[in-house]
């Protein structure tokens, strides 16, 4: 039987992952459990790695495949998906060619096995290679190049080539130097530690005692802009799984954390328990819920395209299109309008998205200020940001893949801080 071939179930799982992401548009995080069901932890990790490398290099893998066929294979053809998987293993993961081919051919049972074998053989004989950095999908290039220019595109391609390092946010920023030494990491600002990728999180010192949690440095900036919370009430909207809630609680705020996903709120509760931090938890929809009071500080890390997280979630570049981006932007705008009414006079509203799309960042801030004349921007200052990151001319924070590249880079984020008139 085919499944007796060593490694074949792992490749089947990787193929299911790709199909669920690229044909059905499901986020890879959501697709993983079903696609890898029954695999051992090492085989599950390998299936994910194969799928992720395929997603990072899809454009360039397709160029190689198309160079060897008389007529281009349909984008959704199983043969194309299998060829992508096999080439990603050979050219990116160092899998021996014979092993990649042996586990590829059974995946096209009843299909064009001869074509798949022929394309792989031709490319191997030609000693095919991938470029130094992956190409971005055409639709992404059409959005990003006019908006950001050549340097950002080059930086994005370099960032996409490899998974990012591991960032930790500390419960007590005063212990930054101590934890950097204990964990053997580097710190790019107080309360932050960076470790090499591949680190086993739950085996690290301090995990069980809740001294830190995993959070990209860029993702930590929105909560930092709310400052010290002693004696203040904060509302964290779209809060789960809780990274920013924990930041706010650690900063002294009395936090209300709201999210519409019960499953994700369970994760938030678990994270709070591990870190010995507290928050009132509300499982509700921002667009339906109504608070009983106003808040000194509100953080809205709104649902977005998440294109800024492409280093760890390369599937976003394949799944998200302009229609989805515009739909999400409309949701963000509506959430901002509601949140604006819940800020106490003199209070602060921070809006953030992990997106590299202007419509989900700069355009939102501009529109918000024209609609809400009782708000003004409070510019981010140098002491609130990592060295190498500065506020733009409008006072907002825009992180980009090329930023801090020598230190391991950053996710793409947009952060705006607004203060309501007293």
Protein backbone atom coordinates (compact mmCIF):
# COMPACT_ATOMS: atom_id res chain seq x y z
CA UNK A 1 0.00 0.00 0.00
CA UNK A 2 1.14 3.53 -0.74
CA UNK A 3 0.95 4.64 2.88
CA UNK A 4 3.67 2.11 3.66
CA UNK A 5 6.11 4.38 1.82
CA UNK A 6 8.11 6.14 4.50
CA UNK A 7 7.04 9.76 4.92
CA UNK A 8 4.00 9.56 2.64
CA UNK A 9 1.35 10.37 5.31
CA UNK A 10 3.34 13.50 6.18
CA UNK A 11 3.31 14.63 2.52
CA UNK A 12 -0.40 13.89 2.26
CA UNK A 13 -0.95 16.14 5.25
CA UNK A 14 1.14 18.91 3.68
CA UNK A 15 -0.89 18.59 0.48
CA UNK A 16 -4.15 18.83 2.45
CA UNK A 17 -2.83 21.94 4.17
CA UNK A 18 -1.99 23.60 0.86
CA UNK A 19 -5.35 22.68 -0.64
CA UNK A 20 -7.25 24.06 2.35
CA UNK A 21 -5.26 27.31 2.30
CA UNK A 22 -5.00 28.01 -1.43
CA UNK A 23 -8.24 26.57 -2.79
CA UNK A 24 -10.56 27.20 0.15
CA UNK A 25 -8.89 30.31 1.58
CA UNK A 26 -8.69 28.96 5.14
CA UNK A 27 -5.94 30.42 7.36
CA UNK A 28 -3.20 27.84 7.84
CA UNK A 29 -3.47 28.03 11.64
CA UNK A 30 -7.11 26.95 11.39
CA UNK A 31 -6.41 24.23 8.81
CA UNK A 32 -3.53 22.56 10.64
CA UNK A 33 -5.41 20.46 13.20
CA UNK A 34 -7.56 18.60 10.68
CA UNK A 35 -4.91 18.34 7.98
CA UNK A 36 -2.30 16.81 10.29
CA UNK A 37 -4.62 14.65 12.39
CA UNK A 38 -2.99 11.36 13.39
CA UNK A 39 0.60 12.45 12.78
CA UNK A 40 3.28 12.31 15.46
CA UNK A 41 4.54 15.71 16.68
CA UNK A 42 7.75 15.49 14.55
CA UNK A 43 5.79 14.49 11.43
CA UNK A 44 3.25 17.23 12.10
CA UNK A 45 6.05 19.78 12.35
CA UNK A 46 7.53 18.52 9.07
CA UNK A 47 4.19 18.72 7.26
CA UNK A 48 3.78 22.32 8.42
CA UNK A 49 7.36 23.17 7.39
CA UNK A 50 6.84 21.72 3.91
CA UNK A 51 3.59 23.63 3.43
CA UNK A 52 5.07 26.89 4.73
CA UNK A 53 8.15 26.70 2.50
CA UNK A 54 5.88 25.98 -0.45
CA UNK A 55 3.79 29.05 0.39
CA UNK A 56 6.87 31.27 0.80
CA UNK A 57 8.22 30.32 -2.62
CA UNK A 58 5.05 29.63 -4.62
CA UNK A 59 5.70 32.25 -7.30
CA UNK A 60 9.23 31.03 -8.01
CA UNK A 61 8.31 27.35 -7.78
CA UNK A 62 5.61 27.96 -10.39
CA UNK A 63 8.11 29.64 -12.72
CA UNK A 64 10.28 26.51 -12.56
CA UNK A 65 7.30 24.21 -13.16
CA UNK A 66 6.00 26.28 -16.08
CA UNK A 67 9.43 26.23 -17.73
CA UNK A 68 9.05 22.47 -18.22
CA UNK A 69 5.47 22.13 -19.51
CA UNK A 70 4.10 22.87 -22.98
CA UNK A 71 0.89 24.27 -21.53
CA UNK A 72 0.71 25.82 -18.04
CA UNK A 73 -0.99 23.58 -15.52
CA UNK A 74 -4.13 25.07 -13.94
CA UNK A 75 -3.37 26.92 -10.72
CA UNK A 76 -5.55 24.52 -8.75
CA UNK A 77 -4.35 21.31 -10.46
CA UNK A 78 -3.21 18.61 -8.03
CA UNK A 79 -0.16 18.00 -10.22
CA UNK A 80 0.97 21.60 -9.73
CA UNK A 81 0.48 21.37 -5.96
CA UNK A 82 2.44 18.11 -5.78
CA UNK A 83 5.28 19.57 -7.88
CA UNK A 84 5.41 22.61 -5.61
CA UNK A 85 5.68 20.39 -2.54
CA UNK A 86 8.39 18.19 -4.02
CA UNK A 87 10.49 21.11 -5.24
CA UNK A 88 10.15 22.97 -1.94
CA UNK A 89 11.51 19.92 -0.15
CA UNK A 90 14.42 19.46 -2.54
CA UNK A 91 15.39 23.11 -3.01
CA UNK A 92 14.57 24.52 0.45
CA UNK A 93 14.50 21.74 3.03
CA UNK A 94 17.37 19.61 1.72
CA UNK A 95 15.27 16.50 1.17
CA UNK A 96 17.10 13.98 -1.08
CA UNK A 97 15.61 14.07 -4.57
CA UNK A 98 14.81 10.35 -4.61
CA UNK A 99 12.85 10.64 -1.35
CA UNK A 100 10.91 13.68 -2.56
CA UNK A 101 9.99 11.95 -5.82
CA UNK A 102 9.06 8.67 -4.10
CA UNK A 103 6.59 10.50 -1.86
CA UNK A 104 5.32 12.81 -4.63
CA UNK A 105 4.23 10.30 -7.25
CA UNK A 106 1.70 8.43 -5.05
CA UNK A 107 0.01 11.78 -4.35
CA UNK A 108 -1.13 11.92 -7.99
CA UNK A 109 -2.57 8.40 -8.14
CA UNK A 110 -5.03 8.35 -11.01
CA UNK A 111 -3.44 11.54 -12.34
CA UNK A 112 -0.49 12.58 -14.51
CA UNK A 113 2.28 10.70 -12.69
CA UNK A 114 4.43 10.66 -15.83
CA UNK A 115 4.17 14.44 -16.17
CA UNK A 116 5.11 15.00 -12.52
CA UNK A 117 8.05 12.60 -12.79
CA UNK A 118 9.17 14.19 -16.05
CA UNK A 119 9.06 17.77 -14.75
CA UNK A 120 10.97 16.87 -11.61
CA UNK A 121 13.55 14.89 -13.59
CA UNK A 122 14.11 17.72 -16.08
CA UNK A 123 14.53 20.33 -13.35
CA UNK A 124 16.95 18.14 -11.41
CA UNK A 125 19.06 17.48 -14.50
CA UNK A 126 19.12 21.22 -15.18
CA UNK A 127 20.22 21.81 -11.57
CA UNK A 128 17.35 24.23 -11.08
CA UNK A 129 17.74 26.81 -8.33
CA UNK A 130 15.54 29.31 -6.57
CA UNK A 131 16.49 33.00 -6.34
CA UNK A 132 18.07 34.41 -3.17
CA UNK A 133 14.74 35.81 -1.99
CA UNK A 134 11.19 34.77 -2.91
CA UNK A 135 9.10 36.77 -5.35
CA UNK A 136 5.87 38.32 -4.11
CA UNK A 137 2.57 37.39 -5.78
CA UNK A 138 1.63 39.78 -8.58
CA UNK A 139 -1.46 41.08 -6.78
CA UNK A 140 0.66 41.91 -3.72
CA UNK A 141 3.25 43.69 -5.85
CA UNK A 142 0.51 45.76 -7.48
CA UNK A 143 -0.65 46.95 -4.05
CA UNK A 144 2.67 47.40 -2.27
CA UNK A 145 5.03 48.79 -4.88
CA UNK A 146 3.07 52.00 -5.58
CA UNK A 147 2.45 52.44 -1.85
CA UNK A 148 5.90 51.75 -0.44
CA UNK A 149 8.53 51.62 -3.22
CA UNK A 150 11.50 49.47 -4.16
CA UNK A 151 13.27 49.31 -0.78
CA UNK A 152 10.21 48.02 1.03
CA UNK A 153 9.61 45.39 -1.67
CA UNK A 154 13.20 44.16 -1.39
CA UNK A 155 12.90 44.11 2.39
CA UNK A 156 9.62 42.23 2.25
CA UNK A 157 11.10 39.61 -0.04
CA UNK A 158 14.09 39.14 2.26
CA UNK A 159 11.77 38.90 5.29
CA UNK A 160 9.57 36.33 3.57
CA UNK A 161 12.53 34.05 2.88
CA UNK A 162 12.88 32.78 6.45
CA UNK A 163 10.67 32.39 9.54
CA UNK A 164 11.23 35.16 12.12
CA UNK A 165 13.07 34.89 15.45
CA UNK A 166 11.15 34.35 18.67
CA UNK A 167 10.15 37.47 20.62
CA UNK A 168 9.10 37.43 24.27
CA UNK A 169 7.30 40.15 26.24
CA UNK A 170 8.19 40.27 29.93
CA UNK A 171 5.68 40.59 32.75
CA UNK A 172 8.17 42.84 34.59
CA UNK A 173 10.21 45.06 32.24
CA UNK A 174 12.50 45.99 35.15
CA UNK A 175 13.97 42.49 34.87
CA UNK A 176 14.88 42.77 31.18
CA UNK A 177 18.65 42.47 31.62
CA UNK A 178 18.25 39.55 34.02
CA UNK A 179 16.00 37.58 31.67
CA UNK A 180 18.15 38.35 28.63
CA UNK A 181 21.08 36.80 30.47
CA UNK A 182 19.11 33.81 31.79
CA UNK A 183 17.63 32.97 28.40
CA UNK A 184 20.70 33.86 26.34
CA UNK A 185 18.76 36.36 24.24
CA UNK A 186 19.05 40.00 23.22
CA UNK A 187 16.75 42.87 24.11
CA UNK A 188 15.72 45.59 21.66
CA UNK A 189 13.84 47.62 24.28
CA UNK A 190 12.74 47.26 27.93
CA UNK A 191 10.38 44.34 28.44
CA UNK A 192 11.51 42.53 25.29
CA UNK A 193 13.76 39.50 24.68
CA UNK A 194 14.62 38.05 21.24
CA UNK A 195 15.73 34.43 20.81
CA UNK A 196 16.69 32.42 17.72
CA UNK A 197 13.81 30.80 15.82
CA UNK A 198 13.15 27.16 16.53
CA UNK A 199 13.31 27.62 20.29
CA UNK A 200 10.94 25.28 22.16
CA UNK A 201 8.80 27.80 24.03
CA UNK A 202 7.40 25.62 26.80
CA UNK A 203 10.86 24.31 27.69
CA UNK A 204 12.31 27.77 28.34
CA UNK A 205 13.06 28.99 31.84
CA UNK A 206 10.29 31.22 33.12
CA UNK A 207 7.49 29.65 31.08
CA UNK A 208 5.83 27.77 33.94
CA UNK A 209 6.07 30.74 36.28
CA UNK A 210 4.54 33.05 33.66
CA UNK A 211 7.45 35.50 33.58
CA UNK A 212 6.87 36.18 29.87
CA UNK A 213 4.72 35.38 26.84
CA UNK A 214 5.38 35.14 23.11
CA UNK A 215 4.70 38.42 21.29
CA UNK A 216 6.38 39.97 18.26
CA UNK A 217 8.13 43.23 19.15
CA UNK A 218 5.98 45.21 16.68
CA UNK A 219 2.82 43.70 18.20
CA UNK A 220 3.86 44.97 21.62
CA UNK A 221 3.99 48.62 20.55
CA UNK A 222 0.24 49.46 20.64
CA UNK A 223 -0.14 48.64 24.35
CA UNK A 224 3.14 50.38 25.16
CA UNK A 225 1.67 53.63 23.81
CA UNK A 226 -0.93 53.60 26.60
CA UNK A 227 1.81 53.97 29.23
CA UNK A 228 1.40 53.50 32.97
CA UNK A 229 -2.03 52.26 34.00
CA UNK A 230 -2.08 52.73 37.74
CA UNK A 231 -5.52 53.93 38.80
CA UNK A 232 -6.89 53.72 35.24
CA UNK A 233 -9.45 51.55 33.46
CA UNK A 234 -8.59 50.05 30.07
CA UNK A 235 -10.70 48.23 27.49
CA UNK A 236 -8.93 45.80 25.16
CA UNK A 237 -11.12 45.14 22.12
CA UNK A 238 -10.60 42.00 19.99
CA UNK A 239 -8.37 40.96 22.86
CA UNK A 240 -7.80 37.22 22.48
CA UNK A 241 -5.46 35.39 22.77
CA UNK A 242 -4.36 38.06 25.21
CA UNK A 243 -0.88 39.41 24.56
CA UNK A 244 -1.98 43.03 24.80
CA UNK A 245 -4.35 42.31 27.69
CA UNK A 246 -1.41 40.93 29.65
CA UNK A 247 0.69 43.99 28.77
CA UNK A 248 -2.03 46.32 30.02
CA UNK A 249 -2.56 44.34 33.21
CA UNK A 250 1.18 44.25 33.87
CA UNK A 251 1.27 48.04 33.37
CA UNK A 252 -1.24 48.48 36.18
CA UNK A 253 -4.51 48.98 34.29
CA UNK A 254 -7.78 47.51 35.49
CA UNK A 255 -8.49 45.71 32.22
CA UNK A 256 -11.68 44.58 30.53
CA UNK A 257 -10.84 42.17 27.70
CA UNK A 258 -13.49 41.64 25.02
CA UNK A 259 -13.51 39.16 22.14
CA UNK A 260 -16.27 37.42 20.17
CA UNK A 261 -14.53 34.01 20.01
CA UNK A 262 -15.21 31.74 22.99
CA UNK A 263 -12.37 29.42 21.98
CA UNK A 264 -9.86 32.25 21.81
CA UNK A 265 -11.15 33.66 25.08
CA UNK A 266 -10.38 30.32 26.70
CA UNK A 267 -6.79 30.78 25.54
CA UNK A 268 -6.77 34.29 26.99
CA UNK A 269 -7.97 32.94 30.34
CA UNK A 270 -5.25 30.28 30.29
CA UNK A 271 -2.58 32.87 29.46
CA UNK A 272 -3.73 35.13 32.29
CA UNK A 273 -3.62 32.23 34.71
CA UNK A 274 -0.10 31.25 33.69
CA UNK A 275 1.21 34.81 33.97
CA UNK A 276 -0.68 35.53 37.20
CA UNK A 277 -2.26 38.61 35.64
CA UNK A 278 -5.92 39.59 35.74
CA UNK A 279 -8.65 41.02 33.53
CA UNK A 280 -12.43 41.01 33.39
CA UNK A 281 -13.31 38.85 30.40
CA UNK A 282 -16.27 39.54 28.12
CA UNK A 283 -17.23 37.18 25.28
CA UNK A 284 -19.14 39.51 22.96
CA UNK A 285 -19.15 41.24 19.57
CA UNK A 286 -17.74 44.77 19.51
CA UNK A 287 -20.52 45.81 17.16
CA UNK A 288 -23.28 44.65 19.53
CA UNK A 289 -21.84 45.09 23.03
CA UNK A 290 -22.43 48.27 25.00
CA UNK A 291 -20.28 49.21 28.04
CA UNK A 292 -21.76 50.50 31.27
CA UNK A 293 -18.98 53.07 31.68
CA UNK A 294 -16.34 54.97 29.74
CA UNK A 295 -12.67 54.04 29.88
CA UNK A 296 -9.46 55.98 30.40
CA UNK A 297 -7.79 53.92 27.67
CA UNK A 298 -9.07 51.75 24.82
CA UNK A 299 -6.93 49.53 22.62
CA UNK A 300 -8.46 48.36 19.34
CA UNK A 301 -6.20 45.86 17.60
CA UNK A 302 -8.76 45.40 14.87
CA UNK A 303 -9.43 42.39 12.64
CA UNK A 304 -7.34 42.88 9.52
CA UNK A 305 -5.70 41.18 6.54
CA UNK A 306 -2.66 40.32 8.71
CA UNK A 307 -0.36 40.83 5.72
CA UNK A 308 2.19 42.27 8.13
CA UNK A 309 2.62 38.81 9.68
CA UNK A 310 3.72 37.18 6.40
CA UNK A 311 7.05 36.09 7.92
CA UNK A 312 5.29 33.65 10.24
CA UNK A 313 2.09 33.26 8.20
CA UNK A 314 3.11 33.20 4.51
CA UNK A 315 -0.35 31.92 3.59
CA UNK A 316 -1.77 35.45 3.98
CA UNK A 317 -0.12 36.53 0.72
CA UNK A 318 -1.87 33.73 -1.15
CA UNK A 319 -5.29 33.99 0.55
CA UNK A 320 -6.02 37.69 0.95
CA UNK A 321 -7.28 39.74 -1.99
CA UNK A 322 -8.30 43.37 -2.38
CA UNK A 323 -11.99 42.58 -1.84
CA UNK A 324 -11.23 40.98 1.54
CA UNK A 325 -8.97 43.90 2.48
CA UNK A 326 -11.68 46.47 1.68
CA UNK A 327 -14.28 44.48 3.62
CA UNK A 328 -11.98 44.34 6.64
CA UNK A 329 -11.27 48.07 6.36
CA UNK A 330 -15.01 48.77 6.57
CA UNK A 331 -15.25 46.65 9.73
CA UNK A 332 -12.28 48.49 11.25
CA UNK A 333 -13.87 51.86 10.55
CA UNK A 334 -17.15 50.82 12.16
CA UNK A 335 -15.34 49.47 15.23
CA UNK A 336 -13.35 52.68 15.57
CA UNK A 337 -16.55 54.75 15.48
CA UNK A 338 -18.04 52.69 18.32
CA UNK A 339 -14.87 52.68 20.40
CA UNK A 340 -14.56 56.45 20.08
CA UNK A 341 -17.75 56.91 22.09
CA UNK A 342 -16.47 54.76 24.95
CA UNK A 343 -13.35 56.82 25.75
CA UNK A 344 -13.66 59.15 28.72
CA UNK A 345 -12.89 62.86 28.18
CA UNK A 346 -9.12 63.26 28.21
CA UNK A 347 -8.70 59.53 27.59
CA UNK A 348 -6.67 57.70 24.96
CA UNK A 349 -7.66 55.47 22.05
CA UNK A 350 -4.99 53.36 20.33
CA UNK A 351 -5.83 51.80 16.96
CA UNK A 352 -3.62 49.08 15.50
CA UNK A 353 -3.56 46.58 12.64
CA UNK A 354 -0.94 43.97 11.73
CA UNK A 355 -1.27 44.96 8.09
CA UNK A 356 0.92 46.41 5.35
CA UNK A 357 -2.09 47.87 3.53
CA UNK A 358 -2.55 51.64 3.68
CA UNK A 359 -6.34 51.30 3.65
CA UNK A 360 -6.06 49.41 6.95
CA UNK A 361 -3.68 51.93 8.50
CA UNK A 362 -2.88 55.43 7.33
CA UNK A 363 -6.23 55.86 5.56
CA UNK A 364 -8.13 54.72 8.66
CA UNK A 365 -6.37 57.26 10.86
CA UNK A 366 -7.00 60.09 8.42
CA UNK A 367 -10.70 59.24 8.09
CA UNK A 368 -11.12 58.86 11.84
CA UNK A 369 -9.79 62.34 12.55
CA UNK A 370 -12.07 63.92 9.95
CA UNK A 371 -15.12 62.20 11.49
CA UNK A 372 -14.26 62.69 15.17
CA UNK A 373 -13.25 66.29 15.71
CA UNK A 374 -12.96 65.80 19.49
CA UNK A 375 -9.87 63.63 18.91
CA UNK A 376 -6.30 64.57 18.06
CA UNK A 377 -3.23 62.48 17.37
CA UNK A 378 -0.70 62.13 20.17
CA UNK A 379 2.57 61.38 18.42
CA UNK A 380 4.64 58.40 19.51
CA UNK A 381 7.98 59.44 21.01
CA UNK A 382 11.44 57.95 20.69
CA UNK A 383 11.47 56.59 24.24
CA UNK A 384 8.29 54.60 23.49
CA UNK A 385 9.78 52.85 20.45
CA UNK A 386 12.74 50.56 19.70
CA UNK A 387 15.89 52.22 18.40
CA UNK A 388 15.52 52.28 14.62
CA UNK A 389 11.74 52.81 14.65
CA UNK A 390 10.35 56.35 14.53
CA UNK A 391 6.92 57.90 14.18
CA UNK A 392 5.96 59.19 10.74
CA UNK A 393 5.15 62.82 9.92
CA UNK A 394 1.61 62.38 11.26
CA UNK A 395 2.87 60.95 14.57
CA UNK A 396 1.76 57.39 13.81
CA UNK A 397 3.92 54.26 13.90
CA UNK A 398 4.42 52.21 10.74
CA UNK A 399 6.70 49.19 11.06
CA UNK A 400 8.00 47.55 7.89
CA UNK A 401 9.84 44.32 7.07
CA UNK A 402 13.14 46.13 6.30
CA UNK A 403 13.21 47.70 9.78
CA UNK A 404 15.76 46.24 12.22
CA UNK A 405 16.65 43.66 9.56
CA UNK A 406 20.12 43.05 11.05
CA UNK A 407 18.49 42.29 14.42
CA UNK A 408 15.95 39.87 12.94
CA UNK A 409 13.31 42.24 11.56
CA UNK A 410 9.78 43.21 12.55
CA UNK A 411 6.26 42.33 11.58
CA UNK A 412 4.38 44.97 9.62
CA UNK A 413 2.14 47.06 11.91
CA UNK A 414 0.29 50.34 11.92
CA UNK A 415 -0.37 52.09 15.25
CA UNK A 416 -2.15 55.40 15.84
CA UNK A 417 -2.73 57.04 19.23
CA UNK A 418 -5.62 59.47 19.61
CA UNK A 419 -6.52 61.58 22.66
CA UNK A 420 -10.07 62.77 23.29
CA UNK A 421 -10.63 66.36 24.33
CA UNK A 422 -11.16 66.80 28.07
